[in-house]
Structure formats: structure tokens, C-alpha cells
Amino acid sequence: MALIKITPEELEQLAAKFSGASEESQQMVSTLGSGISNVQQNWAGVSATKFFGEYEAWSKTMTGYVQLLQQISTELKQQAQKFREADVR
């Protein structure tokens, strides 16, 4: 039998931190995206095309990071619930 030295509450607190980080990161991605949109309106040419093409890939990476933080939060909450259920048995 595994020895678990962490409480469900501790897992939930950590889950809340990940969820908060996800929300903050999403806000930052949105703010940065708005800034990029403003720049895009005033920048043309080969270098602009190259940059904005690369930014599209970077944007997907940032969005993936936001989603990953939320997934970690969800998993921690699920584990906390499993610990609670195991304690009841």
C-alpha cells in the first residue's frame, strides 16, 4: 500500500494555483495578441510576413501552455477527490 503524505486540501490548493496561473496567462496572451494586432496594421513587407507567420506558431504554443496549466489543475482536483474517496473506504 502506498504511503500518501499529502492531503486532498493541499492538492486542491495547488490546483487553484495552477488554475489561477492559467487565467493570468490567458489574459496575458490576449493582451499580447492585441498588441500584435496593432503592430500588424502598421507593418508590411517581407520581414513582417515572416514575423507574423512565426507569431502564429508561437501563439499556438502560448495557447497550449494555458491549456496545459488548466489540465494540471483539473488532474490535481481529480486526485484530491480520489484521495478523499480512498479515505472513506
PDB file of N, CA and C in Angstrom:
ATOM      1  N   MET A   1       0.835  -1.178   0.000  1.00  0.00           N
ATOM      2  CA  MET A   1       0.000   0.000   0.000  1.00  0.00           C
ATOM      3  C   MET A   1       0.884   1.247   0.000  1.00  0.00           C
ATOM      4  N   ALA A   2       0.517   2.222  -0.797  1.00  0.00           N
ATOM      5  CA  ALA A   2       1.293   3.450  -0.916  1.00  0.00           C
ATOM      6  C   ALA A   2       1.077   4.343   0.299  1.00  0.00           C
ATOM      7  N   LEU A   3       2.132   5.021   0.688  1.00  0.00           N
ATOM      8  CA  LEU A   3       2.054   5.967   1.795  1.00  0.00           C
ATOM      9  C   LEU A   3       1.884   7.362   1.208  1.00  0.00           C
ATOM     10  N   ILE A   4       0.758   7.983   1.485  1.00  0.00           N
ATOM     11  CA  ILE A   4       0.460   9.308   0.948  1.00  0.00           C
ATOM     12  C   ILE A   4       0.575  10.314   2.079  1.00  0.00           C
ATOM     13  N   LYS A   5       1.473  11.272   1.910  1.00  0.00           N
ATOM     14  CA  LYS A   5       1.717  12.254   2.964  1.00  0.00           C
ATOM     15  C   LYS A   5       1.166  13.633   2.610  1.00  0.00           C
ATOM     16  N   ILE A   6       0.330  13.703   1.617  1.00  0.00           N
ATOM     17  CA  ILE A   6      -0.257  14.977   1.217  1.00  0.00           C
ATOM     18  C   ILE A   6      -1.768  14.872   1.380  1.00  0.00           C
ATOM     19  N   THR A   7      -2.376  15.956   1.763  1.00  0.00           N
ATOM     20  CA  THR A   7      -3.824  15.939   1.982  1.00  0.00           C
ATOM     21  C   THR A   7      -4.560  16.370   0.716  1.00  0.00           C
ATOM     22  N   PRO A   8      -5.818  15.991   0.606  1.00  0.00           N
ATOM     23  CA  PRO A   8      -6.617  16.462  -0.529  1.00  0.00           C
ATOM     24  C   PRO A   8      -6.676  17.991  -0.583  1.00  0.00           C
ATOM     25  N   GLU A   9      -6.707  18.613   0.579  1.00  0.00           N
ATOM     26  CA  GLU A   9      -6.755  20.076   0.632  1.00  0.00           C
ATOM     27  C   GLU A   9      -5.493  20.701   0.038  1.00  0.00           C
ATOM     28  N   GLU A  10      -4.349  20.085   0.310  1.00  0.00           N
ATOM     29  CA  GLU A  10      -3.095  20.589  -0.257  1.00  0.00           C
ATOM     30  C   GLU A  10      -3.105  20.459  -1.781  1.00  0.00           C
ATOM     31  N   LEU A  11      -3.628  19.350  -2.266  1.00  0.00           N
ATOM     32  CA  LEU A  11      -3.731  19.168  -3.718  1.00  0.00           C
ATOM     33  C   LEU A  11      -4.675  20.206  -4.322  1.00  0.00           C
ATOM     34  N   GLU A  12      -5.779  20.471  -3.638  1.00  0.00           N
ATOM     35  CA  GLU A  12      -6.734  21.459  -4.142  1.00  0.00           C
ATOM     36  C   GLU A  12      -6.150  22.866  -4.129  1.00  0.00           C
ATOM     37  N   GLN A  13      -5.345  23.179  -3.119  1.00  0.00           N
ATOM     38  CA  GLN A  13      -4.686  24.485  -3.079  1.00  0.00           C
ATOM     39  C   GLN A  13      -3.726  24.637  -4.254  1.00  0.00           C
ATOM     40  N   LEU A  14      -2.990  23.589  -4.536  1.00  0.00           N
ATOM     41  CA  LEU A  14      -2.071  23.620  -5.669  1.00  0.00           C
ATOM     42  C   LEU A  14      -2.845  23.707  -6.982  1.00  0.00           C
ATOM     43  N   ALA A  15      -3.950  22.983  -7.061  1.00  0.00           N
ATOM     44  CA  ALA A  15      -4.804  23.045  -8.254  1.00  0.00           C
ATOM     45  C   ALA A  15      -5.297  24.465  -8.482  1.00  0.00           C
ATOM     46  N   ALA A  16      -5.664  25.144  -7.405  1.00  0.00           N
ATOM     47  CA  ALA A  16      -6.136  26.526  -7.517  1.00  0.00           C
ATOM     48  C   ALA A  16      -5.031  27.443  -8.033  1.00  0.00           C
ATOM     49  N   LYS A  17      -3.801  27.194  -7.621  1.00  0.00           N
ATOM     50  CA  LYS A  17      -2.674  27.996  -8.117  1.00  0.00           C
ATOM     51  C   LYS A  17      -2.479  27.780  -9.614  1.00  0.00           C
ATOM     52  N   PHE A  18      -2.575  26.534 -10.049  1.00  0.00           N
ATOM     53  CA  PHE A  18      -2.445  26.255 -11.480  1.00  0.00           C
ATOM     54  C   PHE A  18      -3.587  26.890 -12.265  1.00  0.00           C
ATOM     55  N   SER A  19      -4.785  26.821 -11.717  1.00  0.00           N
ATOM     56  CA  SER A  19      -5.933  27.425 -12.383  1.00  0.00           C
ATOM     57  C   SER A  19      -5.759  28.941 -12.480  1.00  0.00           C
ATOM     58  N   GLY A  20      -5.300  29.555 -11.399  1.00  0.00           N
ATOM     59  CA  GLY A  20      -5.043  30.995 -11.412  1.00  0.00           C
ATOM     60  C   GLY A  20      -3.963  31.369 -12.414  1.00  0.00           C
ATOM     61  N   ALA A  21      -2.915  30.559 -12.473  1.00  0.00           N
ATOM     62  CA  ALA A  21      -1.844  30.809 -13.438  1.00  0.00           C
ATOM     63  C   ALA A  21      -2.369  30.688 -14.862  1.00  0.00           C
ATOM     64  N   SER A  22      -3.277  29.747 -15.079  1.00  0.00           N
ATOM     65  CA  SER A  22      -3.883  29.582 -16.400  1.00  0.00           C
ATOM     66  C   SER A  22      -4.681  30.828 -16.782  1.00  0.00           C
ATOM     67  N   GLU A  23      -5.480  31.326 -15.841  1.00  0.00           N
ATOM     68  CA  GLU A  23      -6.283  32.519 -16.110  1.00  0.00           C
ATOM     69  C   GLU A  23      -5.402  33.735 -16.377  1.00  0.00           C
ATOM     70  N   GLU A  24      -4.365  33.919 -15.549  1.00  0.00           N
ATOM     71  CA  GLU A  24      -3.441  35.036 -15.744  1.00  0.00           C
ATOM     72  C   GLU A  24      -2.728  34.921 -17.089  1.00  0.00           C
ATOM     73  N   SER A  25      -2.314  33.723 -17.423  1.00  0.00           N
ATOM     74  CA  SER A  25      -1.617  33.503 -18.693  1.00  0.00           C
ATOM     75  C   SER A  25      -2.537  33.780 -19.874  1.00  0.00           C
ATOM     76  N   GLN A  26      -3.810  33.383 -19.755  1.00  0.00           N
ATOM     77  CA  GLN A  26      -4.770  33.643 -20.825  1.00  0.00           C
ATOM     78  C   GLN A  26      -4.956  35.143 -21.017  1.00  0.00           C
ATOM     79  N   GLN A  27      -5.034  35.875 -19.927  1.00  0.00           N
ATOM     80  CA  GLN A  27      -5.156  37.330 -20.026  1.00  0.00           C
ATOM     81  C   GLN A  27      -3.932  37.932 -20.695  1.00  0.00           C
ATOM     82  N   MET A  28      -2.749  37.436 -20.341  1.00  0.00           N
ATOM     83  CA  MET A  28      -1.518  37.944 -20.934  1.00  0.00           C
ATOM     84  C   MET A  28      -1.464  37.625 -22.425  1.00  0.00           C
ATOM     85  N   VAL A  29      -1.853  36.424 -22.804  1.00  0.00           N
ATOM     86  CA  VAL A  29      -1.876  36.048 -24.219  1.00  0.00           C
ATOM     87  C   VAL A  29      -2.822  36.972 -24.984  1.00  0.00           C
ATOM     88  N   SER A  30      -3.965  37.277 -24.401  1.00  0.00           N
ATOM     89  CA  SER A  30      -4.927  38.174 -25.051  1.00  0.00           C
ATOM     90  C   SER A  30      -4.362  39.581 -25.190  1.00  0.00           C
ATOM     91  N   THR A  31      -3.737  40.078 -24.134  1.00  0.00           N
ATOM     92  CA  THR A  31      -3.140  41.415 -24.165  1.00  0.00           C
ATOM     93  C   THR A  31      -2.035  41.490 -25.214  1.00  0.00           C
ATOM     94  N   LEU A  32      -1.182  40.488 -25.224  1.00  0.00           N
ATOM     95  CA  LEU A  32      -0.098  40.463 -26.209  1.00  0.00           C
ATOM     96  C   LEU A  32      -0.642  40.333 -27.628  1.00  0.00           C
ATOM     97  N   GLY A  33      -1.690  39.539 -27.786  1.00  0.00           N
ATOM     98  CA  GLY A  33      -2.317  39.393 -29.100  1.00  0.00           C
ATOM     99  C   GLY A  33      -2.870  40.711 -29.608  1.00  0.00           C
ATOM    100  N   SER A  34      -3.453  41.496 -28.711  1.00  0.00           N
ATOM    101  CA  SER A  34      -3.955  42.820 -29.098  1.00  0.00           C
ATOM    102  C   SER A  34      -2.811  43.721 -29.536  1.00  0.00           C
ATOM    103  N   GLY A  35      -1.705  43.646 -28.809  1.00  0.00           N
ATOM    104  CA  GLY A  35      -0.531  44.433 -29.189  1.00  0.00           C
ATOM    105  C   GLY A  35      -0.003  44.034 -30.554  1.00  0.00           C
ATOM    106  N   ILE A  36       0.032  42.749 -30.814  1.00  0.00           N
ATOM    107  CA  ILE A  36       0.489  42.259 -32.117  1.00  0.00           C
ATOM    108  C   ILE A  36      -0.449  42.734 -33.219  1.00  0.00           C
ATOM    109  N   SER A  37      -1.746  42.715 -32.956  1.00  0.00           N
ATOM    110  CA  SER A  37      -2.717  43.179 -33.960  1.00  0.00           C
ATOM    111  C   SER A  37      -2.481  44.639 -34.302  1.00  0.00           C
ATOM    112  N   ASN A  38      -2.181  45.447 -33.293  1.00  0.00           N
ATOM    113  CA  ASN A  38      -1.893  46.861 -33.542  1.00  0.00           C
ATOM    114  C   ASN A  38      -0.636  47.034 -34.379  1.00  0.00           C
ATOM    115  N   VAL A  39       0.382  46.267 -34.072  1.00  0.00           N
ATOM    116  CA  VAL A  39       1.630  46.338 -34.834  1.00  0.00           C
ATOM    117  C   VAL A  39       1.397  45.883 -36.270  1.00  0.00           C
ATOM    118  N   GLN A  40       0.603  44.841 -36.428  1.00  0.00           N
ATOM    119  CA  GLN A  40       0.366  44.261 -37.750  1.00  0.00           C
ATOM    120  C   GLN A  40      -0.270  45.274 -38.704  1.00  0.00           C
ATOM    121  N   GLN A  41      -1.093  46.158 -38.172  1.00  0.00           N
ATOM    122  CA  GLN A  41      -1.751  47.168 -39.006  1.00  0.00           C
ATOM    123  C   GLN A  41      -0.761  48.186 -39.566  1.00  0.00           C
ATOM    124  N   ASN A  42       0.393  48.312 -38.930  1.00  0.00           N
ATOM    125  CA  ASN A  42       1.352  49.342 -39.326  1.00  0.00           C
ATOM    126  C   ASN A  42       2.685  48.788 -39.810  1.00  0.00           C
ATOM    127  N   TRP A  43       2.718  47.524 -40.141  1.00  0.00           N
ATOM    128  CA  TRP A  43       3.972  46.906 -40.564  1.00  0.00           C
ATOM    129  C   TRP A  43       3.683  46.015 -41.755  1.00  0.00           C
ATOM    130  N   ALA A  44       4.402  46.256 -42.826  1.00  0.00           N
ATOM    131  CA  ALA A  44       4.217  45.465 -44.045  1.00  0.00           C
ATOM    132  C   ALA A  44       5.585  45.093 -44.600  1.00  0.00           C
ATOM    133  N   GLY A  45       5.579  44.164 -45.509  1.00  0.00           N
ATOM    134  CA  GLY A  45       6.816  43.766 -46.155  1.00  0.00           C
ATOM    135  C   GLY A  45       7.197  42.335 -45.826  1.00  0.00           C
ATOM    136  N   VAL A  46       8.335  41.958 -46.375  1.00  0.00           N
ATOM    137  CA  VAL A  46       8.809  40.586 -46.232  1.00  0.00           C
ATOM    138  C   VAL A  46       9.082  40.243 -44.766  1.00  0.00           C
ATOM    139  N   SER A  47       9.739  41.152 -44.058  1.00  0.00           N
ATOM    140  CA  SER A  47      10.057  40.856 -42.657  1.00  0.00           C
ATOM    141  C   SER A  47       8.789  40.753 -41.813  1.00  0.00           C
ATOM    142  N   ALA A  48       7.790  41.574 -42.122  1.00  0.00           N
ATOM    143  CA  ALA A  48       6.514  41.497 -41.402  1.00  0.00           C
ATOM    144  C   ALA A  48       5.830  40.164 -41.681  1.00  0.00           C
ATOM    145  N   THR A  49       5.810  39.765 -42.935  1.00  0.00           N
ATOM    146  CA  THR A  49       5.189  38.495 -43.302  1.00  0.00           C
ATOM    147  C   THR A  49       5.863  37.340 -42.578  1.00  0.00           C
ATOM    148  N   LYS A  50       7.196  37.376 -42.535  1.00  0.00           N
ATOM    149  CA  LYS A  50       7.946  36.325 -41.842  1.00  0.00           C
ATOM    150  C   LYS A  50       7.619  36.330 -40.349  1.00  0.00           C
ATOM    151  N   PHE A  51       7.659  37.507 -39.739  1.00  0.00           N
ATOM    152  CA  PHE A  51       7.404  37.599 -38.307  1.00  0.00           C
ATOM    153  C   PHE A  51       6.005  37.108 -37.958  1.00  0.00           C
ATOM    154  N   PHE A  52       4.991  37.593 -38.669  1.00  0.00           N
ATOM    155  CA  PHE A  52       3.621  37.236 -38.322  1.00  0.00           C
ATOM    156  C   PHE A  52       3.321  35.764 -38.616  1.00  0.00           C
ATOM    157  N   GLY A  53       4.003  35.210 -39.589  1.00  0.00           N
ATOM    158  CA  GLY A  53       3.889  33.771 -39.826  1.00  0.00           C
ATOM    159  C   GLY A  53       4.442  32.980 -38.652  1.00  0.00           C
ATOM    160  N   GLU A  54       5.593  33.416 -38.146  1.00  0.00           N
ATOM    161  CA  GLU A  54       6.184  32.755 -36.981  1.00  0.00           C
ATOM    162  C   GLU A  54       5.341  33.000 -35.732  1.00  0.00           C
ATOM    163  N   TYR A  55       4.803  34.210 -35.619  1.00  0.00           N
ATOM    164  CA  TYR A  55       3.992  34.531 -34.443  1.00  0.00           C
ATOM    165  C   TYR A  55       2.772  33.621 -34.353  1.00  0.00           C
ATOM    166  N   GLU A  56       2.227  33.262 -35.484  1.00  0.00           N
ATOM    167  CA  GLU A  56       1.071  32.361 -35.487  1.00  0.00           C
ATOM    168  C   GLU A  56       1.409  31.043 -34.776  1.00  0.00           C
ATOM    169  N   ALA A  57       2.583  30.503 -35.065  1.00  0.00           N
ATOM    170  CA  ALA A  57       3.022  29.268 -34.397  1.00  0.00           C
ATOM    171  C   ALA A  57       3.294  29.526 -32.916  1.00  0.00           C
ATOM    172  N   TRP A  58       3.912  30.645 -32.611  1.00  0.00           N
ATOM    173  CA  TRP A  58       4.193  30.980 -31.213  1.00  0.00           C
ATOM    174  C   TRP A  58       2.893  31.140 -30.430  1.00  0.00           C
ATOM    175  N   SER A  59       1.909  31.738 -31.067  1.00  0.00           N
ATOM    176  CA  SER A  59       0.615  31.946 -30.422  1.00  0.00           C
ATOM    177  C   SER A  59      -0.025  30.607 -30.048  1.00  0.00           C
ATOM    178  N   LYS A  60       0.098  29.639 -30.932  1.00  0.00           N
ATOM    179  CA  LYS A  60      -0.437  28.305 -30.643  1.00  0.00           C
ATOM    180  C   LYS A  60       0.290  27.678 -29.453  1.00  0.00           C
ATOM    181  N   THR A  61       1.593  27.904 -29.374  1.00  0.00           N
ATOM    182  CA  THR A  61       2.369  27.390 -28.248  1.00  0.00           C
ATOM    183  C   THR A  61       1.917  28.036 -26.942  1.00  0.00           C
ATOM    184  N   MET A  62       1.694  29.353 -26.978  1.00  0.00           N
ATOM    185  CA  MET A  62       1.222  30.047 -25.773  1.00  0.00           C
ATOM    186  C   MET A  62      -0.150  29.531 -25.348  1.00  0.00           C
ATOM    187  N   THR A  63      -1.024  29.328 -26.305  1.00  0.00           N
ATOM    188  CA  THR A  63      -2.357  28.803 -26.007  1.00  0.00           C
ATOM    189  C   THR A  63      -2.252  27.396 -25.422  1.00  0.00           C
ATOM    190  N   GLY A  64      -1.347  26.601 -25.951  1.00  0.00           N
ATOM    191  CA  GLY A  64      -1.121  25.256 -25.424  1.00  0.00           C
ATOM    192  C   GLY A  64      -0.652  25.288 -23.977  1.00  0.00           C
ATOM    193  N   TYR A  65       0.188  26.261 -23.652  1.00  0.00           N
ATOM    194  CA  TYR A  65       0.671  26.423 -22.277  1.00  0.00           C
ATOM    195  C   TYR A  65      -0.493  26.728 -21.338  1.00  0.00           C
ATOM    196  N   VAL A  66      -1.368  27.635 -21.765  1.00  0.00           N
ATOM    197  CA  VAL A  66      -2.544  27.990 -20.963  1.00  0.00           C
ATOM    198  C   VAL A  66      -3.401  26.747 -20.719  1.00  0.00           C
ATOM    199  N   GLN A  67      -3.632  25.984 -21.758  1.00  0.00           N
ATOM    200  CA  GLN A  67      -4.446  24.769 -21.639  1.00  0.00           C
ATOM    201  C   GLN A  67      -3.775  23.733 -20.740  1.00  0.00           C
ATOM    202  N   LEU A  68      -2.473  23.624 -20.839  1.00  0.00           N
ATOM    203  CA  LEU A  68      -1.735  22.671 -20.010  1.00  0.00           C
ATOM    204  C   LEU A  68      -1.864  23.020 -18.527  1.00  0.00           C
ATOM    205  N   LEU A  69      -1.756  24.290 -18.202  1.00  0.00           N
ATOM    206  CA  LEU A  69      -1.932  24.702 -16.811  1.00  0.00           C
ATOM    207  C   LEU A  69      -3.308  24.299 -16.294  1.00  0.00           C
ATOM    208  N   GLN A  70      -4.329  24.482 -17.118  1.00  0.00           N
ATOM    209  CA  GLN A  70      -5.683  24.117 -16.707  1.00  0.00           C
ATOM    210  C   GLN A  70      -5.827  22.603 -16.571  1.00  0.00           C
ATOM    211  N   GLN A  71      -5.200  21.859 -17.471  1.00  0.00           N
ATOM    212  CA  GLN A  71      -5.252  20.395 -17.386  1.00  0.00           C
ATOM    213  C   GLN A  71      -4.595  19.891 -16.102  1.00  0.00           C
ATOM    214  N   ILE A  72      -3.486  20.503 -15.738  1.00  0.00           N
ATOM    215  CA  ILE A  72      -2.807  20.110 -14.498  1.00  0.00           C
ATOM    216  C   ILE A  72      -3.714  20.396 -13.305  1.00  0.00           C
ATOM    217  N   SER A  73      -4.356  21.554 -13.311  1.00  0.00           N
ATOM    218  CA  SER A  73      -5.296  21.898 -12.244  1.00  0.00           C
ATOM    219  C   SER A  73      -6.403  20.856 -12.139  1.00  0.00           C
ATOM    220  N   THR A  74      -6.974  20.499 -13.262  1.00  0.00           N
ATOM    221  CA  THR A  74      -8.054  19.507 -13.284  1.00  0.00           C
ATOM    222  C   THR A  74      -7.578  18.165 -12.744  1.00  0.00           C
ATOM    223  N   GLU A  75      -6.406  17.741 -13.156  1.00  0.00           N
ATOM    224  CA  GLU A  75      -5.865  16.456 -12.692  1.00  0.00           C
ATOM    225  C   GLU A  75      -5.616  16.474 -11.189  1.00  0.00           C
ATOM    226  N   LEU A  76      -5.091  17.575 -10.675  1.00  0.00           N
ATOM    227  CA  LEU A  76      -4.864  17.672  -9.233  1.00  0.00           C
ATOM    228  C   LEU A  76      -6.182  17.590  -8.463  1.00  0.00           C
ATOM    229  N   LYS A  77      -7.211  18.240  -8.974  1.00  0.00           N
ATOM    230  CA  LYS A  77      -8.532  18.169  -8.324  1.00  0.00           C
ATOM    231  C   LYS A  77      -9.064  16.736  -8.338  1.00  0.00           C
ATOM    232  N   GLN A  78      -8.888  16.054  -9.448  1.00  0.00           N
ATOM    233  CA  GLN A  78      -9.349  14.666  -9.540  1.00  0.00           C
ATOM    234  C   GLN A  78      -8.599  13.771  -8.557  1.00  0.00           C
ATOM    235  N   GLN A  79      -7.301  13.993  -8.433  1.00  0.00           N
ATOM    236  CA  GLN A  79      -6.517  13.198  -7.488  1.00  0.00           C
ATOM    237  C   GLN A  79      -6.953  13.478  -6.054  1.00  0.00           C
ATOM    238  N   ALA A  80      -7.247  14.729  -5.745  1.00  0.00           N
ATOM    239  CA  ALA A  80      -7.734  15.073  -4.407  1.00  0.00           C
ATOM    240  C   ALA A  80      -9.029  14.326  -4.110  1.00  0.00           C
ATOM    241  N   GLN A  81      -9.904  14.269  -5.095  1.00  0.00           N
ATOM    242  CA  GLN A  81     -11.170  13.556  -4.908  1.00  0.00           C
ATOM    243  C   GLN A  81     -10.927  12.058  -4.700  1.00  0.00           C
ATOM    244  N   LYS A  82      -9.999  11.490  -5.452  1.00  0.00           N
ATOM    245  CA  LYS A  82      -9.673  10.069  -5.282  1.00  0.00           C
ATOM    246  C   LYS A  82      -9.121   9.796  -3.886  1.00  0.00           C
ATOM    247  N   PHE A  83      -8.291  10.710  -3.382  1.00  0.00           N
ATOM    248  CA  PHE A  83      -7.753  10.544  -2.031  1.00  0.00           C
ATOM    249  C   PHE A  83      -8.884  10.554  -1.010  1.00  0.00           C
ATOM    250  N   ARG A  84      -9.830  11.465  -1.195  1.00  0.00           N
ATOM    251  CA  ARG A  84     -10.971  11.545  -0.273  1.00  0.00           C
ATOM    252  C   ARG A  84     -11.778  10.247  -0.300  1.00  0.00           C
ATOM    253  N   GLU A  85     -12.031   9.755  -1.498  1.00  0.00           N
ATOM    254  CA  GLU A  85     -12.806   8.519  -1.633  1.00  0.00           C
ATOM    255  C   GLU A  85     -12.075   7.340  -1.002  1.00  0.00           C
ATOM    256  N   ALA A  86     -10.760   7.314  -1.140  1.00  0.00           N
ATOM    257  CA  ALA A  86      -9.973   6.232  -0.547  1.00  0.00           C
ATOM    258  C   ALA A  86     -10.015   6.306   0.977  1.00  0.00           C
ATOM    259  N   ASP A  87     -10.042   7.525   1.513  1.00  0.00           N
ATOM    260  CA  ASP A  87     -10.103   7.695   2.968  1.00  0.00           C
ATOM    261  C   ASP A  87     -11.436   7.235   3.541  1.00  0.00           C
ATOM    262  N   VAL A  88     -12.497   7.319   2.752  1.00  0.00           N
ATOM    263  CA  VAL A  88     -13.833   6.931   3.203  1.00  0.00           C
ATOM    264  C   VAL A  88     -13.949   5.420   3.315  1.00  0.00           C
ATOM    265  N   ARG A  89     -13.248   4.715   2.459  1.00  0.00           N
ATOM    266  CA  ARG A  89     -13.334   3.242   2.424  1.00  0.00           C
ATOM    267  C   ARG A  89     -12.748   2.601   3.630  1.00  0.00           C
TER     268      ARG A  89
END
